[in-house]
Amino acid sequence: MGKIIAWLVLIFIVLLALRLVNQRKSRKQQRAAGAAGSTAVEPMVRCARCGVFLPRADAIQRAGEYACPDGQCVKR
C-alpha cells in the first residue's frame, strides 16, 4: 500500500512540474507577442443601414452615423 501512495505522489509531482514549465513558456510567448505590438485592437462600429459591425477605418461616416462602404451592405 505504501508503494502505491509513493507512486501516486511521484506522478503528482511530475505533472505539477510539467504544468509549471508549460505556464512559464506560455507567459514568455505572451510577453514576446505583446512587446512586438502585433495585437493591435481596432474599434468596431455598427452600420446604420444594415446593422453589421465593421472596423471604423473601413466605415464611411455620414451625418454622424457610420455605414458600410458603398454597395457592400448586407441585405436582410
PDB file of N, CA and C in Angstrom:
ATOM      1  N   MET A   1       0.809  -1.181   0.000  1.00  0.00           N
ATOM      2  CA  MET A   1       0.000   0.000   0.000  1.00  0.00           C
ATOM      3  C   MET A   1       0.865   1.263   0.000  1.00  0.00           C
ATOM      4  N   GLY A   2       1.975   1.198   0.693  1.00  0.00           N
ATOM      5  CA  GLY A   2       2.888   2.341   0.761  1.00  0.00           C
ATOM      6  C   GLY A   2       3.513   2.654  -0.585  1.00  0.00           C
ATOM      7  N   LYS A   3       3.788   1.593  -1.384  1.00  0.00           N
ATOM      8  CA  LYS A   3       4.392   1.812  -2.702  1.00  0.00           C
ATOM      9  C   LYS A   3       3.406   2.528  -3.636  1.00  0.00           C
ATOM     10  N   ILE A   4       2.142   2.178  -3.543  1.00  0.00           N
ATOM     11  CA  ILE A   4       1.132   2.803  -4.407  1.00  0.00           C
ATOM     12  C   ILE A   4       1.017   4.290  -4.094  1.00  0.00           C
ATOM     13  N   ILE A   5       1.003   4.622  -2.826  1.00  0.00           N
ATOM     14  CA  ILE A   5       0.912   6.028  -2.427  1.00  0.00           C
ATOM     15  C   ILE A   5       2.163   6.789  -2.871  1.00  0.00           C
ATOM     16  N   ALA A   6       3.313   6.159  -2.733  1.00  0.00           N
ATOM     17  CA  ALA A   6       4.557   6.805  -3.156  1.00  0.00           C
ATOM     18  C   ALA A   6       4.542   7.075  -4.655  1.00  0.00           C
ATOM     19  N   TRP A   7       4.087   6.100  -5.451  1.00  0.00           N
ATOM     20  CA  TRP A   7       3.998   6.282  -6.897  1.00  0.00           C
ATOM     21  C   TRP A   7       3.003   7.394  -7.256  1.00  0.00           C
ATOM     22  N   LEU A   8       1.880   7.436  -6.575  1.00  0.00           N
ATOM     23  CA  LEU A   8       0.893   8.478  -6.841  1.00  0.00           C
ATOM     24  C   LEU A   8       1.447   9.867  -6.519  1.00  0.00           C
ATOM     25  N   VAL A   9       2.163   9.985  -5.416  1.00  0.00           N
ATOM     26  CA  VAL A   9       2.770  11.259  -5.052  1.00  0.00           C
ATOM     27  C   VAL A   9       3.824  11.649  -6.087  1.00  0.00           C
ATOM     28  N   LEU A  10       4.624  10.711  -6.528  1.00  0.00           N
ATOM     29  CA  LEU A  10       5.648  10.974  -7.535  1.00  0.00           C
ATOM     30  C   LEU A  10       5.013  11.438  -8.853  1.00  0.00           C
ATOM     31  N   ILE A  11       3.970  10.768  -9.283  1.00  0.00           N
ATOM     32  CA  ILE A  11       3.279  11.157 -10.519  1.00  0.00           C
ATOM     33  C   ILE A  11       2.689  12.559 -10.373  1.00  0.00           C
ATOM     34  N   PHE A  12       2.096  12.843  -9.229  1.00  0.00           N
ATOM     35  CA  PHE A  12       1.533  14.169  -8.971  1.00  0.00           C
ATOM     36  C   PHE A  12       2.611  15.245  -9.057  1.00  0.00           C
ATOM     37  N   ILE A  13       3.761  15.009  -8.490  1.00  0.00           N
ATOM     38  CA  ILE A  13       4.853  15.983  -8.502  1.00  0.00           C
ATOM     39  C   ILE A  13       5.355  16.213  -9.922  1.00  0.00           C
ATOM     40  N   VAL A  14       5.487  15.147 -10.701  1.00  0.00           N
ATOM     41  CA  VAL A  14       5.946  15.275 -12.092  1.00  0.00           C
ATOM     42  C   VAL A  14       4.933  16.080 -12.907  1.00  0.00           C
ATOM     43  N   LEU A  15       3.647  15.772 -12.760  1.00  0.00           N
ATOM     44  CA  LEU A  15       2.629  16.506 -13.501  1.00  0.00           C
ATOM     45  C   LEU A  15       2.595  17.981 -13.093  1.00  0.00           C
ATOM     46  N   LEU A  16       2.765  18.262 -11.826  1.00  0.00           N
ATOM     47  CA  LEU A  16       2.797  19.636 -11.351  1.00  0.00           C
ATOM     48  C   LEU A  16       3.994  20.390 -11.941  1.00  0.00           C
ATOM     49  N   ALA A  17       5.143  19.745 -11.984  1.00  0.00           N
ATOM     50  CA  ALA A  17       6.340  20.369 -12.553  1.00  0.00           C
ATOM     51  C   ALA A  17       6.151  20.648 -14.041  1.00  0.00           C
ATOM     52  N   LEU A  18       5.561  19.711 -14.759  1.00  0.00           N
ATOM     53  CA  LEU A  18       5.311  19.923 -16.193  1.00  0.00           C
ATOM     54  C   LEU A  18       4.348  21.082 -16.418  1.00  0.00           C
ATOM     55  N   ARG A  19       3.355  21.191 -15.578  1.00  0.00           N
ATOM     56  CA  ARG A  19       2.390  22.289 -15.709  1.00  0.00           C
ATOM     57  C   ARG A  19       3.068  23.639 -15.459  1.00  0.00           C
ATOM     58  N   LEU A  20       3.915  23.716 -14.466  1.00  0.00           N
ATOM     59  CA  LEU A  20       4.617  24.965 -14.175  1.00  0.00           C
ATOM     60  C   LEU A  20       5.541  25.368 -15.319  1.00  0.00           C
ATOM     61  N   VAL A  21       6.227  24.407 -15.908  1.00  0.00           N
ATOM     62  CA  VAL A  21       7.107  24.694 -17.038  1.00  0.00           C
ATOM     63  C   VAL A  21       6.281  25.200 -18.221  1.00  0.00           C
ATOM     64  N   ASN A  22       5.145  24.579 -18.475  1.00  0.00           N
ATOM     65  CA  ASN A  22       4.288  24.984 -19.585  1.00  0.00           C
ATOM     66  C   ASN A  22       3.744  26.394 -19.367  1.00  0.00           C
ATOM     67  N   GLN A  23       3.386  26.754 -18.142  1.00  0.00           N
ATOM     68  CA  GLN A  23       2.891  28.092 -17.847  1.00  0.00           C
ATOM     69  C   GLN A  23       3.967  29.147 -18.092  1.00  0.00           C
ATOM     70  N   ARG A  24       5.188  28.846 -17.726  1.00  0.00           N
ATOM     71  CA  ARG A  24       6.277  29.802 -17.949  1.00  0.00           C
ATOM     72  C   ARG A  24       6.520  30.026 -19.427  1.00  0.00           C
ATOM     73  N   LYS A  25       6.470  28.954 -20.219  1.00  0.00           N
ATOM     74  CA  LYS A  25       6.638  29.089 -21.667  1.00  0.00           C
ATOM     75  C   LYS A  25       5.528  29.950 -22.255  1.00  0.00           C
ATOM     76  N   SER A  26       4.323  29.729 -21.799  1.00  0.00           N
ATOM     77  CA  SER A  26       3.178  30.483 -22.293  1.00  0.00           C
ATOM     78  C   SER A  26       3.311  31.968 -21.953  1.00  0.00           C
ATOM     79  N   ARG A  27       3.734  32.268 -20.757  1.00  0.00           N
ATOM     80  CA  ARG A  27       3.912  33.666 -20.354  1.00  0.00           C
ATOM     81  C   ARG A  27       4.993  34.352 -21.178  1.00  0.00           C
ATOM     82  N   LYS A  28       6.079  33.645 -21.455  1.00  0.00           N
ATOM     83  CA  LYS A  28       7.153  34.219 -22.269  1.00  0.00           C
ATOM     84  C   LYS A  28       6.654  34.520 -23.673  1.00  0.00           C
ATOM     85  N   GLN A  29       5.850  33.631 -24.248  1.00  0.00           N
ATOM     86  CA  GLN A  29       5.314  33.852 -25.588  1.00  0.00           C
ATOM     87  C   GLN A  29       4.361  35.036 -25.605  1.00  0.00           C
ATOM     88  N   GLN A  30       3.549  35.176 -24.560  1.00  0.00           N
ATOM     89  CA  GLN A  30       2.613  36.298 -24.491  1.00  0.00           C
ATOM     90  C   GLN A  30       3.365  37.617 -24.362  1.00  0.00           C
ATOM     91  N   ARG A  31       4.422  37.634 -23.580  1.00  0.00           N
ATOM     92  CA  ARG A  31       5.217  38.848 -23.430  1.00  0.00           C
ATOM     93  C   ARG A  31       5.877  39.222 -24.751  1.00  0.00           C
ATOM     94  N   ALA A  32       6.401  38.225 -25.463  1.00  0.00           N
ATOM     95  CA  ALA A  32       7.052  38.492 -26.740  1.00  0.00           C
ATOM     96  C   ALA A  32       6.045  39.029 -27.755  1.00  0.00           C
ATOM     97  N   ALA A  33       4.847  38.485 -27.773  1.00  0.00           N
ATOM     98  CA  ALA A  33       3.823  38.956 -28.703  1.00  0.00           C
ATOM     99  C   ALA A  33       3.361  40.356 -28.321  1.00  0.00           C
ATOM    100  N   GLY A  34       3.251  40.631 -27.044  1.00  0.00           N
ATOM    101  CA  GLY A  34       2.828  41.952 -26.589  1.00  0.00           C
ATOM    102  C   GLY A  34       3.874  43.011 -26.864  1.00  0.00           C
ATOM    103  N   ALA A  35       5.144  42.651 -26.735  1.00  0.00           N
ATOM    104  CA  ALA A  35       6.225  43.597 -26.982  1.00  0.00           C
ATOM    105  C   ALA A  35       6.328  43.947 -28.458  1.00  0.00           C
ATOM    106  N   ALA A  36       5.972  43.003 -29.316  1.00  0.00           N
ATOM    107  CA  ALA A  36       6.045  43.241 -30.750  1.00  0.00           C
ATOM    108  C   ALA A  36       4.916  44.151 -31.217  1.00  0.00           C
ATOM    109  N   GLY A  37       3.853  44.255 -30.420  1.00  0.00           N
ATOM    110  CA  GLY A  37       2.748  45.128 -30.774  1.00  0.00           C
ATOM    111  C   GLY A  37       1.851  44.535 -31.845  1.00  0.00           C
ATOM    112  N   SER A  38       1.870  43.242 -32.000  1.00  0.00           N
ATOM    113  CA  SER A  38       1.086  42.602 -33.047  1.00  0.00           C
ATOM    114  C   SER A  38      -0.375  42.419 -32.656  1.00  0.00           C
ATOM    115  N   THR A  39      -0.746  42.811 -31.458  1.00  0.00           N
ATOM    116  CA  THR A  39      -2.118  42.610 -31.008  1.00  0.00           C
ATOM    117  C   THR A  39      -2.872  43.934 -30.984  1.00  0.00           C
ATOM    118  N   ALA A  40      -2.807  44.685 -32.082  1.00  0.00           N
ATOM    119  CA  ALA A  40      -3.497  45.962 -32.149  1.00  0.00           C
ATOM    120  C   ALA A  40      -5.001  45.718 -32.261  1.00  0.00           C
ATOM    121  N   VAL A  41      -5.757  46.423 -31.441  1.00  0.00           N
ATOM    122  CA  VAL A  41      -7.205  46.287 -31.438  1.00  0.00           C
ATOM    123  C   VAL A  41      -7.801  47.514 -32.114  1.00  0.00           C
ATOM    124  N   GLU A  42      -8.676  47.274 -33.059  1.00  0.00           N
ATOM    125  CA  GLU A  42      -9.302  48.364 -33.789  1.00  0.00           C
ATOM    126  C   GLU A  42     -10.763  48.483 -33.357  1.00  0.00           C
ATOM    127  N   PRO A  43     -11.248  49.694 -33.079  1.00  0.00           N
ATOM    128  CA  PRO A  43     -12.640  49.834 -32.647  1.00  0.00           C
ATOM    129  C   PRO A  43     -13.617  49.463 -33.762  1.00  0.00           C
ATOM    130  N   MET A  44     -14.730  48.846 -33.348  1.00  0.00           N
ATOM    131  CA  MET A  44     -15.759  48.430 -34.290  1.00  0.00           C
ATOM    132  C   MET A  44     -16.949  49.372 -34.185  1.00  0.00           C
ATOM    133  N   VAL A  45     -17.614  49.625 -35.312  1.00  0.00           N
ATOM    134  CA  VAL A  45     -18.813  50.454 -35.346  1.00  0.00           C
ATOM    135  C   VAL A  45     -19.916  49.686 -36.066  1.00  0.00           C
ATOM    136  N   ARG A  46     -21.153  50.090 -35.812  1.00  0.00           N
ATOM    137  CA  ARG A  46     -22.298  49.416 -36.417  1.00  0.00           C
ATOM    138  C   ARG A  46     -22.812  50.237 -37.601  1.00  0.00           C
ATOM    139  N   CYS A  47     -23.060  49.557 -38.706  1.00  0.00           N
ATOM    140  CA  CYS A  47     -23.598  50.207 -39.895  1.00  0.00           C
ATOM    141  C   CYS A  47     -25.033  50.639 -39.608  1.00  0.00           C
ATOM    142  N   ALA A  48     -25.356  51.897 -39.949  1.00  0.00           N
ATOM    143  CA  ALA A  48     -26.705  52.419 -39.716  1.00  0.00           C
ATOM    144  C   ALA A  48     -27.715  51.817 -40.693  1.00  0.00           C
ATOM    145  N   ARG A  49     -27.253  51.322 -41.845  1.00  0.00           N
ATOM    146  CA  ARG A  49     -28.172  50.768 -42.846  1.00  0.00           C
ATOM    147  C   ARG A  49     -28.488  49.300 -42.613  1.00  0.00           C
ATOM    148  N   CYS A  50     -27.464  48.484 -42.398  1.00  0.00           N
ATOM    149  CA  CYS A  50     -27.701  47.030 -42.308  1.00  0.00           C
ATOM    150  C   CYS A  50     -27.459  46.462 -40.914  1.00  0.00           C
ATOM    151  N   GLY A  51     -26.796  47.192 -40.026  1.00  0.00           N
ATOM    152  CA  GLY A  51     -26.597  46.730 -38.660  1.00  0.00           C
ATOM    153  C   GLY A  51     -25.370  45.857 -38.446  1.00  0.00           C
ATOM    154  N   VAL A  52     -24.570  45.660 -39.463  1.00  0.00           N
ATOM    155  CA  VAL A  52     -23.371  44.827 -39.357  1.00  0.00           C
ATOM    156  C   VAL A  52     -22.254  45.639 -38.706  1.00  0.00           C
ATOM    157  N   PHE A  53     -21.466  44.994 -37.849  1.00  0.00           N
ATOM    158  CA  PHE A  53     -20.314  45.648 -37.243  1.00  0.00           C
ATOM    159  C   PHE A  53     -19.119  45.530 -38.176  1.00  0.00           C
ATOM    160  N   LEU A  54     -18.377  46.634 -38.316  1.00  0.00           N
ATOM    161  CA  LEU A  54     -17.187  46.636 -39.156  1.00  0.00           C
ATOM    162  C   LEU A  54     -16.155  47.560 -38.522  1.00  0.00           C
ATOM    163  N   PRO A  55     -14.872  47.399 -38.885  1.00  0.00           N
ATOM    164  CA  PRO A  55     -13.833  48.265 -38.325  1.00  0.00           C
ATOM    165  C   PRO A  55     -14.103  49.728 -38.693  1.00  0.00           C
ATOM    166  N   ARG A  56     -13.832  50.626 -37.765  1.00  0.00           N
ATOM    167  CA  ARG A  56     -14.094  52.035 -38.008  1.00  0.00           C
ATOM    168  C   ARG A  56     -13.299  52.564 -39.194  1.00  0.00           C
ATOM    169  N   ALA A  57     -12.099  52.050 -39.418  1.00  0.00           N
ATOM    170  CA  ALA A  57     -11.280  52.504 -40.538  1.00  0.00           C
ATOM    171  C   ALA A  57     -11.920  52.152 -41.879  1.00  0.00           C
ATOM    172  N   ASP A  58     -12.706  51.086 -41.936  1.00  0.00           N
ATOM    173  CA  ASP A  58     -13.354  50.674 -43.187  1.00  0.00           C
ATOM    174  C   ASP A  58     -14.711  51.342 -43.386  1.00  0.00           C
ATOM    175  N   ALA A  59     -15.274  51.932 -42.349  1.00  0.00           N
ATOM    176  CA  ALA A  59     -16.616  52.509 -42.427  1.00  0.00           C
ATOM    177  C   ALA A  59     -16.576  53.920 -42.996  1.00  0.00           C
ATOM    178  N   ILE A  60     -17.722  54.312 -43.544  1.00  0.00           N
ATOM    179  CA  ILE A  60     -17.899  55.664 -44.057  1.00  0.00           C
ATOM    180  C   ILE A  60     -18.795  56.405 -43.074  1.00  0.00           C
ATOM    181  N   GLN A  61     -18.396  57.616 -42.701  1.00  0.00           N
ATOM    182  CA  GLN A  61     -19.201  58.375 -41.754  1.00  0.00           C
ATOM    183  C   GLN A  61     -20.040  59.386 -42.517  1.00  0.00           C
ATOM    184  N   ARG A  62     -21.351  59.278 -42.309  1.00  0.00           N
ATOM    185  CA  ARG A  62     -22.297  60.193 -42.954  1.00  0.00           C
ATOM    186  C   ARG A  62     -23.279  60.684 -41.912  1.00  0.00           C
ATOM    187  N   ALA A  63     -23.425  61.973 -41.800  1.00  0.00           N
ATOM    188  CA  ALA A  63     -24.379  62.600 -40.884  1.00  0.00           C
ATOM    189  C   ALA A  63     -24.255  62.049 -39.463  1.00  0.00           C
ATOM    190  N   GLY A  64     -23.053  61.850 -39.012  1.00  0.00           N
ATOM    191  CA  GLY A  64     -22.827  61.385 -37.646  1.00  0.00           C
ATOM    192  C   GLY A  64     -23.028  59.897 -37.439  1.00  0.00           C
ATOM    193  N   GLU A  65     -23.362  59.156 -38.478  1.00  0.00           N
ATOM    194  CA  GLU A  65     -23.543  57.702 -38.391  1.00  0.00           C
ATOM    195  C   GLU A  65     -22.527  57.019 -39.297  1.00  0.00           C
ATOM    196  N   TYR A  66     -22.253  55.786 -38.974  1.00  0.00           N
ATOM    197  CA  TYR A  66     -21.314  55.008 -39.775  1.00  0.00           C
ATOM    198  C   TYR A  66     -22.094  54.088 -40.714  1.00  0.00           C
ATOM    199  N   ALA A  67     -21.501  53.825 -41.878  1.00  0.00           N
ATOM    200  CA  ALA A  67     -22.141  52.946 -42.855  1.00  0.00           C
ATOM    201  C   ALA A  67     -21.078  52.116 -43.546  1.00  0.00           C
ATOM    202  N   CYS A  68     -21.518  51.011 -44.149  1.00  0.00           N
ATOM    203  CA  CYS A  68     -20.617  50.166 -44.944  1.00  0.00           C
ATOM    204  C   CYS A  68     -20.162  50.946 -46.157  1.00  0.00           C
ATOM    205  N   PRO A  69     -19.007  50.607 -46.713  1.00  0.00           N
ATOM    206  CA  PRO A  69     -18.604  51.242 -47.965  1.00  0.00           C
ATOM    207  C   PRO A  69     -19.684  51.029 -49.036  1.00  0.00           C
ATOM    208  N   ASP A  70     -19.775  51.929 -49.980  1.00  0.00           N
ATOM    209  CA  ASP A  70     -20.847  51.888 -50.983  1.00  0.00           C
ATOM    210  C   ASP A  70     -21.005  50.530 -51.632  1.00  0.00           C
ATOM    211  N   GLY A  71     -22.235  50.054 -51.632  1.00  0.00           N
ATOM    212  CA  GLY A  71     -22.576  48.792 -52.295  1.00  0.00           C
ATOM    213  C   GLY A  71     -22.219  47.541 -51.539  1.00  0.00           C
ATOM    214  N   GLN A  72     -21.762  47.652 -50.304  1.00  0.00           N
ATOM    215  CA  GLN A  72     -21.341  46.456 -49.579  1.00  0.00           C
ATOM    216  C   GLN A  72     -22.240  46.120 -48.399  1.00  0.00           C
ATOM    217  N   CYS A  73     -23.378  46.782 -48.254  1.00  0.00           N
ATOM    218  CA  CYS A  73     -24.289  46.470 -47.138  1.00  0.00           C
ATOM    219  C   CYS A  73     -24.874  45.086 -47.302  1.00  0.00           C
ATOM    220  N   VAL A  74     -25.020  44.404 -46.192  1.00  0.00           N
ATOM    221  CA  VAL A  74     -25.598  43.070 -46.175  1.00  0.00           C
ATOM    222  C   VAL A  74     -27.115  43.205 -46.239  1.00  0.00           C
ATOM    223  N   LYS A  75     -27.735  42.461 -47.144  1.00  0.00           N
ATOM    224  CA  LYS A  75     -29.199  42.523 -47.266  1.00  0.00           C
ATOM    225  C   LYS A  75     -29.833  41.606 -46.244  1.00  0.00           C
ATOM    226  N   ARG A  76     -30.917  42.058 -45.632  1.00  0.00           N
ATOM    227  CA  ARG A  76     -31.616  41.239 -44.638  1.00  0.00           C
ATOM    228  C   ARG A  76     -32.762  40.512 -45.256  1.00  0.00           C
TER     229      ARG A  76
END
